[in-house]
Amino acid sequence: MPEASPNGSIITELQHTTLKVRVSERIRQAILSGTFRPGERLNETHLAARFSVSRIPVREALLELQEQGLIIHQPHRGMFVVQLTDEDVQRINSLRIILEAEAIKLCRANLTASHEAKLSALVERLDNSQLKSDFEASMLDLEFHRAIWADSQNPFLQKTLNSLLTVLFSHQALAYLKSPGKRHWPLKHHRALLDVIRGTSNVSPEKAMVDHLSYRYTNPQRFSSLALSNQ
């Protein structure tokens, strides 16, 4: 059997990558449009038949969407469109306050001119964004927070926050899409966090995070130890 030429291998790989991207985008749009609803199971075989492709690009597309938080994997059950209960959201927020406050403290301790410039540029984008959808807004919001986590220079803290919050951001963005009467995803409230990181604010990182989350949630510290001090 003749060997495949290097150029042939490259073309095949590009075709495979393009197919995965196309399948990923079609599943993503089906989720955002409500065709696939929160909590719905996404079966590889059914999706492959629906899009007239093999299961391999479908599997890779689902993994990519899992990284984006739109899909969650349930052991022994499969892949599902992300869905959290209100209590799930608040319990995650209670952890988020503590963990992200730590990330802010470390980011402030490790702050360099380049890090500050990057965060400042992101805040400007957040303040002046004209995004078409709440999902795009949520991803820009997440980009700012991820920059803080990265600048904490603690990869384990960064990994923990990513695993917790990517799903939360996606879940909330879908909730906004399904509730037309809700206000749009708020973005113009991140400068206060940047001021804490710069050391130009007297607000504690924990209080800054509670204030930040209160733009979108009621009593976000409900399940944290911070709530005990108010009892």
Protein backbone atom coordinates (compact mmCIF):
# COMPACT_ATOMS: atom_id res chain seq x y z
CA MET A 1 0.00 0.00 0.00
CA PRO A 2 1.49 3.39 -0.96
CA GLU A 3 2.24 5.80 1.85
CA ALA A 4 0.16 8.95 2.15
CA SER A 5 2.03 12.05 1.10
CA PRO A 6 2.78 14.68 3.76
CA ASN A 7 0.61 17.18 1.87
CA GLY A 8 -2.25 14.69 1.83
CA SER A 9 -1.96 14.24 5.60
CA ILE A 10 -2.02 17.99 6.16
CA ILE A 11 -5.10 18.40 3.97
CA THR A 12 -6.88 15.56 5.80
CA GLU A 13 -6.03 17.11 9.16
CA LEU A 14 -7.30 20.52 8.06
CA GLN A 15 -10.52 18.99 6.77
CA HIS A 16 -11.00 17.16 10.07
CA THR A 17 -10.38 20.36 12.07
CA THR A 18 -12.77 22.33 9.88
CA LEU A 19 -15.45 19.67 10.31
CA LYS A 20 -15.07 19.73 14.09
CA VAL A 21 -15.37 23.54 14.11
CA ARG A 22 -18.50 23.38 11.94
CA VAL A 23 -20.14 20.75 14.16
CA SER A 24 -19.17 22.65 17.32
CA GLU A 25 -20.69 25.86 15.97
CA ARG A 26 -23.93 24.13 14.93
CA ILE A 27 -24.35 22.53 18.37
CA ARG A 28 -23.47 25.85 20.04
CA GLN A 29 -26.08 27.71 17.99
CA ALA A 30 -28.66 25.01 18.72
CA ILE A 31 -28.04 25.50 22.44
CA LEU A 32 -28.16 29.31 22.25
CA SER A 33 -31.33 29.26 20.14
CA GLY A 34 -33.09 26.88 22.53
CA THR A 35 -33.26 23.94 20.10
CA PHE A 36 -31.23 22.00 22.67
CA ARG A 37 -32.59 22.98 26.08
CA PRO A 38 -30.83 23.21 29.48
CA GLY A 39 -30.57 19.74 30.99
CA GLU A 40 -31.07 17.96 27.66
CA ARG A 41 -28.81 14.97 26.95
CA LEU A 42 -26.68 15.23 23.82
CA ASN A 43 -26.21 11.80 22.27
CA GLU A 44 -23.16 11.39 20.00
CA THR A 45 -24.86 8.93 17.64
CA HIS A 46 -27.97 11.08 17.22
CA LEU A 47 -25.90 14.21 16.63
CA ALA A 48 -23.71 12.44 14.08
CA ALA A 49 -26.82 11.37 12.16
CA ARG A 50 -28.36 14.83 12.47
CA PHE A 51 -25.27 16.53 10.99
CA SER A 52 -24.36 13.67 8.59
CA VAL A 53 -20.88 13.21 10.04
CA SER A 54 -19.02 10.50 11.94
CA ARG A 55 -19.03 10.40 15.73
CA ILE A 56 -15.40 11.56 16.00
CA PRO A 57 -15.93 15.27 15.15
CA VAL A 58 -19.09 15.23 17.26
CA ARG A 59 -17.17 13.86 20.26
CA GLU A 60 -14.43 16.47 19.79
CA ALA A 61 -17.01 19.25 19.38
CA LEU A 62 -18.75 18.21 22.61
CA LEU A 63 -15.44 18.27 24.49
CA GLU A 64 -14.74 21.76 23.16
CA LEU A 65 -18.16 22.98 24.24
CA GLN A 66 -17.61 21.37 27.63
CA GLU A 67 -14.50 23.53 28.02
CA GLN A 68 -16.65 26.58 27.19
CA GLY A 69 -19.11 25.60 29.93
CA LEU A 70 -22.10 25.07 27.64
CA ILE A 71 -22.04 21.32 28.20
CA ILE A 72 -21.40 19.33 31.35
CA HIS A 73 -20.39 15.67 31.63
CA GLN A 74 -22.25 13.49 34.09
CA PRO A 75 -20.35 10.26 34.86
CA HIS A 76 -22.04 7.11 33.52
CA ARG A 77 -24.77 9.25 31.91
CA GLY A 78 -23.18 11.33 29.19
CA MET A 79 -23.09 14.94 28.00
CA PHE A 80 -25.85 17.42 28.89
CA VAL A 81 -26.61 21.05 28.14
CA VAL A 82 -25.59 22.96 31.26
CA GLN A 83 -28.28 23.44 33.88
CA LEU A 84 -27.89 24.57 37.48
CA THR A 85 -30.48 25.15 40.19
CA ASP A 86 -30.72 28.54 41.89
CA GLU A 87 -29.17 26.97 44.99
CA ASP A 88 -26.31 25.54 42.90
CA VAL A 89 -25.62 29.04 41.57
CA GLN A 90 -25.57 30.59 45.05
CA ARG A 91 -23.36 27.86 46.50
CA ILE A 92 -20.88 28.37 43.66
CA ASN A 93 -21.01 32.13 44.28
CA SER A 94 -20.27 31.59 47.96
CA LEU A 95 -17.09 29.76 46.99
CA ARG A 96 -16.34 32.28 44.29
CA ILE A 97 -16.27 35.18 46.75
CA ILE A 98 -13.60 33.50 48.87
CA LEU A 99 -11.51 32.07 46.04
CA GLU A 100 -11.64 35.09 43.77
CA ALA A 101 -10.87 37.42 46.68
CA GLU A 102 -7.69 35.39 47.16
CA ALA A 103 -6.93 35.71 43.43
CA ILE A 104 -7.39 39.49 43.68
CA LYS A 105 -4.99 39.68 46.64
CA LEU A 106 -2.35 37.66 44.79
CA CYS A 107 -2.90 39.63 41.58
CA ARG A 108 -2.37 42.84 43.55
CA ALA A 109 0.81 41.47 45.14
CA ASN A 110 2.18 40.36 41.74
CA LEU A 111 0.95 43.39 39.76
CA THR A 112 3.28 44.63 37.03
CA ALA A 113 2.86 47.50 34.58
CA SER A 114 2.02 45.08 31.77
CA HIS A 115 -0.54 43.22 33.89
CA GLU A 116 -2.18 46.50 34.90
CA ALA A 117 -2.27 47.68 31.29
CA LYS A 118 -3.93 44.42 30.21
CA LEU A 119 -6.60 44.61 32.93
CA SER A 120 -7.18 48.29 32.24
CA ALA A 121 -7.70 47.59 28.53
CA LEU A 122 -10.23 44.88 29.38
CA VAL A 123 -12.13 47.25 31.67
CA GLU A 124 -12.29 49.79 28.84
CA ARG A 125 -13.75 47.10 26.57
CA LEU A 126 -16.28 46.17 29.24
CA ASP A 127 -17.29 49.80 29.75
CA ASN A 128 -17.69 50.48 26.05
CA SER A 129 -18.85 47.16 24.65
CA GLN A 130 -21.65 46.99 22.08
CA LEU A 131 -22.07 43.22 22.02
CA LYS A 132 -24.93 41.55 20.18
CA SER A 133 -25.80 38.89 22.76
CA ASP A 134 -25.71 38.17 26.46
CA PHE A 135 -23.59 35.10 25.75
CA GLU A 136 -20.90 37.26 24.08
CA ALA A 137 -21.13 39.67 27.03
CA SER A 138 -20.68 36.81 29.50
CA MET A 139 -17.59 35.59 27.65
CA LEU A 140 -16.02 39.07 27.76
CA ASP A 141 -16.86 39.25 31.47
CA LEU A 142 -15.23 35.86 31.97
CA GLU A 143 -12.14 36.98 30.02
CA PHE A 144 -11.56 39.79 32.54
CA HIS A 145 -11.88 37.47 35.52
CA ARG A 146 -9.64 34.87 33.92
CA ALA A 147 -6.97 37.54 33.51
CA ILE A 148 -7.11 38.15 37.27
CA TRP A 149 -6.84 34.44 38.00
CA ALA A 150 -3.88 34.06 35.65
CA ASP A 151 -2.10 37.01 37.27
CA SER A 152 -2.50 35.39 40.70
CA GLN A 153 0.35 33.13 39.53
CA ASN A 154 -1.21 30.18 41.36
CA PRO A 155 -2.09 27.61 38.67
CA PHE A 156 -4.11 25.49 41.10
CA LEU A 157 -6.27 28.43 42.13
CA GLN A 158 -6.65 29.37 38.46
CA LYS A 159 -7.69 25.81 37.54
CA THR A 160 -10.20 25.62 40.40
CA LEU A 161 -11.84 28.92 39.46
CA ASN A 162 -11.98 27.92 35.79
CA SER A 163 -13.68 24.61 36.57
CA LEU A 164 -16.23 26.28 38.87
CA LEU A 165 -17.06 29.41 36.95
CA THR A 166 -16.97 28.55 33.26
CA VAL A 167 -20.13 26.49 33.79
CA LEU A 168 -21.69 29.22 35.95
CA PHE A 169 -21.11 31.95 33.36
CA SER A 170 -22.58 29.82 30.56
CA HIS A 171 -25.57 28.76 32.65
CA GLN A 172 -26.38 32.36 33.54
CA ALA A 173 -25.97 33.53 29.93
CA LEU A 174 -28.49 30.88 28.81
CA ALA A 175 -30.84 31.98 31.59
CA TYR A 176 -30.71 35.54 30.25
CA LEU A 177 -31.43 34.30 26.73
CA LYS A 178 -34.50 32.40 27.94
CA SER A 179 -35.89 35.42 29.84
CA PRO A 180 -36.41 38.30 27.36
CA GLY A 181 -37.76 40.58 30.09
CA LYS A 182 -34.52 40.51 32.05
CA ARG A 183 -32.02 43.35 31.79
CA HIS A 184 -28.98 42.64 29.70
CA TRP A 185 -25.83 41.11 31.18
CA PRO A 186 -24.26 43.98 33.18
CA LEU A 187 -20.66 44.81 32.25
CA LYS A 188 -19.97 48.33 33.49
CA HIS A 189 -19.05 47.46 37.08
CA HIS A 190 -15.57 45.97 36.81
CA ARG A 191 -13.53 49.11 37.41
CA ALA A 192 -14.09 48.78 41.17
CA LEU A 193 -12.28 45.42 41.11
CA LEU A 194 -9.41 46.97 39.16
CA ASP A 195 -9.15 49.73 41.79
CA VAL A 196 -8.80 47.08 44.51
CA ILE A 197 -6.08 45.35 42.50
CA ARG A 198 -4.28 48.67 41.98
CA GLY A 199 -4.46 49.39 45.72
CA THR A 200 -6.42 52.62 45.16
CA SER A 201 -9.55 51.40 46.97
CA ASN A 202 -10.19 50.96 50.70
CA VAL A 203 -12.70 48.18 50.03
CA SER A 204 -11.56 44.66 50.96
CA PRO A 205 -11.35 42.06 48.17
CA GLU A 206 -14.13 40.06 49.83
CA LYS A 207 -16.44 43.11 50.04
CA ALA A 208 -15.53 44.08 46.46
CA MET A 209 -16.54 40.61 45.25
CA VAL A 210 -19.85 40.69 47.17
CA ASP A 211 -20.62 44.12 45.70
CA HIS A 212 -19.59 42.91 42.24
CA LEU A 213 -21.83 39.84 42.33
CA SER A 214 -24.73 41.82 43.77
CA TYR A 215 -25.18 43.46 40.37
CA ARG A 216 -26.49 40.15 39.10
CA TYR A 217 -27.46 38.06 42.15
CA THR A 218 -29.43 38.61 45.34
CA ASN A 219 -27.43 37.88 48.51
CA PRO A 220 -24.53 36.12 46.71
CA GLN A 221 -22.75 35.47 50.04
CA ARG A 222 -25.75 33.50 51.32
CA PHE A 223 -23.91 30.17 51.72
CA SER A 224 -20.48 31.56 52.64
CA SER A 225 -18.96 32.19 56.06
CA LEU A 226 -19.43 35.91 55.38
CA ALA A 227 -23.17 35.43 55.93
CA LEU A 228 -22.53 34.04 59.44
CA SER A 229 -21.03 37.34 60.58
CA ASN A 230 -24.35 39.07 59.83
CA GLN A 231 -26.43 36.69 61.94
